[in-house]
Amino acid sequence: MRAGSPGTKTAGQWVSAGETEEAEEVEKTEEAEETEESAGRVVDAAMSEVLKLD
């Protein structure tokens, strides 16, 4: 970002720094949720395998 500019230019539109930070936060939250879902599937699969051993 240039000194004195109102924000960053994205796809031909100026975006304020606050909006950019908010979008990054949303993206991080979505990635965390996907990681959590993936981990849950791994745990479910592992528990399934453990139960088969009984």
PDB file of N, CA and C in Angstrom:
ATOM      1  N   MET A   1       0.852  -1.167   0.000  1.00  0.00           N
ATOM      2  CA  MET A   1       0.000   0.000   0.000  1.00  0.00           C
ATOM      3  C   MET A   1       0.904   1.238   0.000  1.00  0.00           C
ATOM      4  N   ARG A   2       0.582   2.182  -0.840  1.00  0.00           N
ATOM      5  CA  ARG A   2       1.357   3.421  -0.927  1.00  0.00           C
ATOM      6  C   ARG A   2       1.041   4.312   0.270  1.00  0.00           C
ATOM      7  N   ALA A   3       2.031   5.080   0.667  1.00  0.00           N
ATOM      8  CA  ALA A   3       1.797   6.045   1.745  1.00  0.00           C
ATOM      9  C   ALA A   3       0.743   7.042   1.289  1.00  0.00           C
ATOM     10  N   GLY A   4      -0.227   7.294   2.117  1.00  0.00           N
ATOM     11  CA  GLY A   4      -1.272   8.255   1.792  1.00  0.00           C
ATOM     12  C   GLY A   4      -2.433   7.678   1.020  1.00  0.00           C
ATOM     13  N   SER A   5      -2.379   6.414   0.648  1.00  0.00           N
ATOM     14  CA  SER A   5      -3.504   5.830  -0.081  1.00  0.00           C
ATOM     15  C   SER A   5      -4.584   5.396   0.914  1.00  0.00           C
ATOM     16  N   PRO A   6      -5.843   5.395   0.495  1.00  0.00           N
ATOM     17  CA  PRO A   6      -6.937   5.070   1.418  1.00  0.00           C
ATOM     18  C   PRO A   6      -7.028   3.593   1.764  1.00  0.00           C
ATOM     19  N   GLY A   7      -6.351   2.759   1.046  1.00  0.00           N
ATOM     20  CA  GLY A   7      -6.416   1.320   1.300  1.00  0.00           C
ATOM     21  C   GLY A   7      -5.662   0.588   0.218  1.00  0.00           C
ATOM     22  N   THR A   8      -6.079  -0.605  -0.086  1.00  0.00           N
ATOM     23  CA  THR A   8      -5.440  -1.372  -1.140  1.00  0.00           C
ATOM     24  C   THR A   8      -6.407  -1.515  -2.299  1.00  0.00           C
ATOM     25  N   LYS A   9      -5.849  -1.679  -3.479  1.00  0.00           N
ATOM     26  CA  LYS A   9      -6.689  -1.818  -4.666  1.00  0.00           C
ATOM     27  C   LYS A   9      -6.831  -3.307  -4.969  1.00  0.00           C
ATOM     28  N   THR A  10      -8.059  -3.776  -5.002  1.00  0.00           N
ATOM     29  CA  THR A  10      -8.342  -5.178  -5.249  1.00  0.00           C
ATOM     30  C   THR A  10      -9.351  -5.276  -6.380  1.00  0.00           C
ATOM     31  N   ALA A  11      -9.011  -5.998  -7.422  1.00  0.00           N
ATOM     32  CA  ALA A  11      -9.902  -6.203  -8.573  1.00  0.00           C
ATOM     33  C   ALA A  11     -10.474  -4.884  -9.085  1.00  0.00           C
ATOM     34  N   GLY A  12      -9.612  -3.872  -9.143  1.00  0.00           N
ATOM     35  CA  GLY A  12     -10.033  -2.600  -9.698  1.00  0.00           C
ATOM     36  C   GLY A  12     -10.800  -1.707  -8.752  1.00  0.00           C
ATOM     37  N   GLN A  13     -10.967  -2.110  -7.499  1.00  0.00           N
ATOM     38  CA  GLN A  13     -11.717  -1.299  -6.537  1.00  0.00           C
ATOM     39  C   GLN A  13     -10.835  -1.011  -5.328  1.00  0.00           C
ATOM     40  N   TRP A  14     -10.972   0.193  -4.798  1.00  0.00           N
ATOM     41  CA  TRP A  14     -10.231   0.526  -3.585  1.00  0.00           C
ATOM     42  C   TRP A  14     -10.952  -0.067  -2.382  1.00  0.00           C
ATOM     43  N   VAL A  15     -10.182  -0.714  -1.521  1.00  0.00           N
ATOM     44  CA  VAL A  15     -10.738  -1.332  -0.318  1.00  0.00           C
ATOM     45  C   VAL A  15     -10.038  -0.695   0.872  1.00  0.00           C
ATOM     46  N   SER A  16     -10.802  -0.277   1.851  1.00  0.00           N
ATOM     47  CA  SER A  16     -10.192   0.348   3.031  1.00  0.00           C
ATOM     48  C   SER A  16      -9.395  -0.692   3.811  1.00  0.00           C
ATOM     49  N   ALA A  17      -8.436  -0.216   4.560  1.00  0.00           N
ATOM     50  CA  ALA A  17      -7.602  -1.125   5.356  1.00  0.00           C
ATOM     51  C   ALA A  17      -8.456  -1.943   6.321  1.00  0.00           C
ATOM     52  N   GLY A  18      -9.496  -1.339   6.904  1.00  0.00           N
ATOM     53  CA  GLY A  18     -10.369  -2.062   7.830  1.00  0.00           C
ATOM     54  C   GLY A  18     -11.089  -3.205   7.154  1.00  0.00           C
ATOM     55  N   GLU A  19     -11.568  -2.978   5.928  1.00  0.00           N
ATOM     56  CA  GLU A  19     -12.260  -4.040   5.193  1.00  0.00           C
ATOM     57  C   GLU A  19     -11.293  -5.166   4.843  1.00  0.00           C
ATOM     58  N   THR A  20     -10.052  -4.811   4.515  1.00  0.00           N
ATOM     59  CA  THR A  20      -9.048  -5.826   4.191  1.00  0.00           C
ATOM     60  C   THR A  20      -8.774  -6.704   5.405  1.00  0.00           C
ATOM     61  N   GLU A  21      -8.609  -6.068   6.579  1.00  0.00           N
ATOM     62  CA  GLU A  21      -8.367  -6.833   7.800  1.00  0.00           C
ATOM     63  C   GLU A  21      -9.549  -7.737   8.123  1.00  0.00           C
ATOM     64  N   GLU A  22     -10.758  -7.239   7.931  1.00  0.00           N
ATOM     65  CA  GLU A  22     -11.957  -8.036   8.208  1.00  0.00           C
ATOM     66  C   GLU A  22     -12.014  -9.246   7.278  1.00  0.00           C
ATOM     67  N   ALA A  23     -11.711  -9.045   6.002  1.00  0.00           N
ATOM     68  CA  ALA A  23     -11.724 -10.149   5.035  1.00  0.00           C
ATOM     69  C   ALA A  23     -10.676 -11.189   5.390  1.00  0.00           C
ATOM     70  N   GLU A  24      -9.506 -10.742   5.836  1.00  0.00           N
ATOM     71  CA  GLU A  24      -8.459 -11.684   6.240  1.00  0.00           C
ATOM     72  C   GLU A  24      -8.897 -12.482   7.464  1.00  0.00           C
ATOM     73  N   GLU A  25      -9.571 -11.825   8.402  1.00  0.00           N
ATOM     74  CA  GLU A  25     -10.048 -12.499   9.612  1.00  0.00           C
ATOM     75  C   GLU A  25     -11.102 -13.557   9.258  1.00  0.00           C
ATOM     76  N   VAL A  26     -12.014 -13.219   8.348  1.00  0.00           N
ATOM     77  CA  VAL A  26     -13.038 -14.170   7.902  1.00  0.00           C
ATOM     78  C   VAL A  26     -12.369 -15.373   7.251  1.00  0.00           C
ATOM     79  N   GLU A  27     -11.355 -15.118   6.417  1.00  0.00           N
ATOM     80  CA  GLU A  27     -10.650 -16.209   5.738  1.00  0.00           C
ATOM     81  C   GLU A  27      -9.962 -17.114   6.754  1.00  0.00           C
ATOM     82  N   LYS A  28      -9.321 -16.523   7.758  1.00  0.00           N
ATOM     83  CA  LYS A  28      -8.654 -17.323   8.795  1.00  0.00           C
ATOM     84  C   LYS A  28      -9.676 -18.166   9.559  1.00  0.00           C
ATOM     85  N   THR A  29     -10.834 -17.590   9.858  1.00  0.00           N
ATOM     86  CA  THR A  29     -11.887 -18.314  10.579  1.00  0.00           C
ATOM     87  C   THR A  29     -12.386 -19.489   9.750  1.00  0.00           C
ATOM     88  N   GLU A  30     -12.592 -19.272   8.453  1.00  0.00           N
ATOM     89  CA  GLU A  30     -13.062 -20.347   7.576  1.00  0.00           C
ATOM     90  C   GLU A  30     -12.020 -21.459   7.494  1.00  0.00           C
ATOM     91  N   GLU A  31     -10.733 -21.098   7.399  1.00  0.00           N
ATOM     92  CA  GLU A  31      -9.672 -22.107   7.354  1.00  0.00           C
ATOM     93  C   GLU A  31      -9.626 -22.896   8.657  1.00  0.00           C
ATOM     94  N   ALA A  32      -9.819 -22.223   9.776  1.00  0.00           N
ATOM     95  CA  ALA A  32      -9.811 -22.901  11.078  1.00  0.00           C
ATOM     96  C   ALA A  32     -10.972 -23.873  11.177  1.00  0.00           C
ATOM     97  N   GLU A  33     -12.137 -23.462  10.684  1.00  0.00           N
ATOM     98  CA  GLU A  33     -13.308 -24.348  10.718  1.00  0.00           C
ATOM     99  C   GLU A  33     -13.080 -25.574   9.840  1.00  0.00           C
ATOM    100  N   GLU A  34     -12.471 -25.383   8.665  1.00  0.00           N
ATOM    101  CA  GLU A  34     -12.185 -26.519   7.788  1.00  0.00           C
ATOM    102  C   GLU A  34     -11.194 -27.468   8.445  1.00  0.00           C
ATOM    103  N   THR A  35     -10.180 -26.907   9.112  1.00  0.00           N
ATOM    104  CA  THR A  35      -9.190 -27.737   9.806  1.00  0.00           C
ATOM    105  C   THR A  35      -9.858 -28.522  10.928  1.00  0.00           C
ATOM    106  N   GLU A  36     -10.747 -27.868  11.661  1.00  0.00           N
ATOM    107  CA  GLU A  36     -11.457 -28.522  12.758  1.00  0.00           C
ATOM    108  C   GLU A  36     -12.329 -29.662  12.232  1.00  0.00           C
ATOM    109  N   GLU A  37     -13.026 -29.426  11.120  1.00  0.00           N
ATOM    110  CA  GLU A  37     -13.865 -30.475  10.528  1.00  0.00           C
ATOM    111  C   GLU A  37     -13.009 -31.650  10.071  1.00  0.00           C
ATOM    112  N   SER A  38     -11.871 -31.355   9.449  1.00  0.00           N
ATOM    113  CA  SER A  38     -10.970 -32.402   8.981  1.00  0.00           C
ATOM    114  C   SER A  38     -10.447 -33.214  10.166  1.00  0.00           C
ATOM    115  N   ALA A  39     -10.059 -32.526  11.237  1.00  0.00           N
ATOM    116  CA  ALA A  39      -9.566 -33.218  12.430  1.00  0.00           C
ATOM    117  C   ALA A  39     -10.661 -34.100  13.020  1.00  0.00           C
ATOM    118  N   GLY A  40     -11.881 -33.596  13.005  1.00  0.00           N
ATOM    119  CA  GLY A  40     -12.999 -34.392  13.518  1.00  0.00           C
ATOM    120  C   GLY A  40     -13.189 -35.671  12.722  1.00  0.00           C
ATOM    121  N   ARG A  41     -13.023 -35.591  11.405  1.00  0.00           N
ATOM    122  CA  ARG A  41     -13.155 -36.793  10.568  1.00  0.00           C
ATOM    123  C   ARG A  41     -12.042 -37.785  10.866  1.00  0.00           C
ATOM    124  N   VAL A  42     -10.828 -37.280  11.110  1.00  0.00           N
ATOM    125  CA  VAL A  42      -9.705 -38.158  11.438  1.00  0.00           C
ATOM    126  C   VAL A  42      -9.960 -38.868  12.763  1.00  0.00           C
ATOM    127  N   VAL A  43     -10.441 -38.125  13.752  1.00  0.00           N
ATOM    128  CA  VAL A  43     -10.740 -38.714  15.057  1.00  0.00           C
ATOM    129  C   VAL A  43     -11.847 -39.752  14.921  1.00  0.00           C
ATOM    130  N   ASP A  44     -12.886 -39.449  14.156  1.00  0.00           N
ATOM    131  CA  ASP A  44     -13.978 -40.404  13.956  1.00  0.00           C
ATOM    132  C   ASP A  44     -13.464 -41.685  13.310  1.00  0.00           C
ATOM    133  N   ALA A  45     -12.610 -41.552  12.310  1.00  0.00           N
ATOM    134  CA  ALA A  45     -12.062 -42.725  11.632  1.00  0.00           C
ATOM    135  C   ALA A  45     -11.191 -43.539  12.589  1.00  0.00           C
ATOM    136  N   ALA A  46     -10.400 -42.865  13.397  1.00  0.00           N
ATOM    137  CA  ALA A  46      -9.543 -43.559  14.357  1.00  0.00           C
ATOM    138  C   ALA A  46     -10.382 -44.288  15.394  1.00  0.00           C
ATOM    139  N   MET A  47     -11.416 -43.647  15.895  1.00  0.00           N
ATOM    140  CA  MET A  47     -12.291 -44.298  16.882  1.00  0.00           C
ATOM    141  C   MET A  47     -12.980 -45.509  16.268  1.00  0.00           C
ATOM    142  N   SER A  48     -13.355 -45.401  15.019  1.00  0.00           N
ATOM    143  CA  SER A  48     -13.984 -46.515  14.328  1.00  0.00           C
ATOM    144  C   SER A  48     -13.026 -47.706  14.268  1.00  0.00           C
ATOM    145  N   GLU A  49     -11.762 -47.422  13.957  1.00  0.00           N
ATOM    146  CA  GLU A  49     -10.757 -48.488  13.896  1.00  0.00           C
ATOM    147  C   GLU A  49     -10.526 -49.102  15.278  1.00  0.00           C
ATOM    148  N   VAL A  50     -10.501 -48.278  16.305  1.00  0.00           N
ATOM    149  CA  VAL A  50     -10.305 -48.779  17.673  1.00  0.00           C
ATOM    150  C   VAL A  50     -11.461 -49.689  18.052  1.00  0.00           C
ATOM    151  N   LEU A  51     -12.668 -49.297  17.708  1.00  0.00           N
ATOM    152  CA  LEU A  51     -13.834 -50.108  18.058  1.00  0.00           C
ATOM    153  C   LEU A  51     -13.825 -51.445  17.320  1.00  0.00           C
ATOM    154  N   LYS A  52     -13.253 -51.478  16.123  1.00  0.00           N
ATOM    155  CA  LYS A  52     -13.155 -52.742  15.379  1.00  0.00           C
ATOM    156  C   LYS A  52     -12.222 -53.721  16.074  1.00  0.00           C
ATOM    157  N   LEU A  53     -11.250 -53.208  16.838  1.00  0.00           N
ATOM    158  CA  LEU A  53     -10.288 -54.075  17.513  1.00  0.00           C
ATOM    159  C   LEU A  53     -10.894 -54.809  18.702  1.00  0.00           C
ATOM    160  N   ASP A  54     -11.958 -54.257  19.255  1.00  0.00           N
ATOM    161  CA  ASP A  54     -12.578 -54.878  20.440  1.00  0.00           C
ATOM    162  C   ASP A  54     -13.213 -56.198  20.132  1.00  0.00           C
TER     163      ASP A  54
END
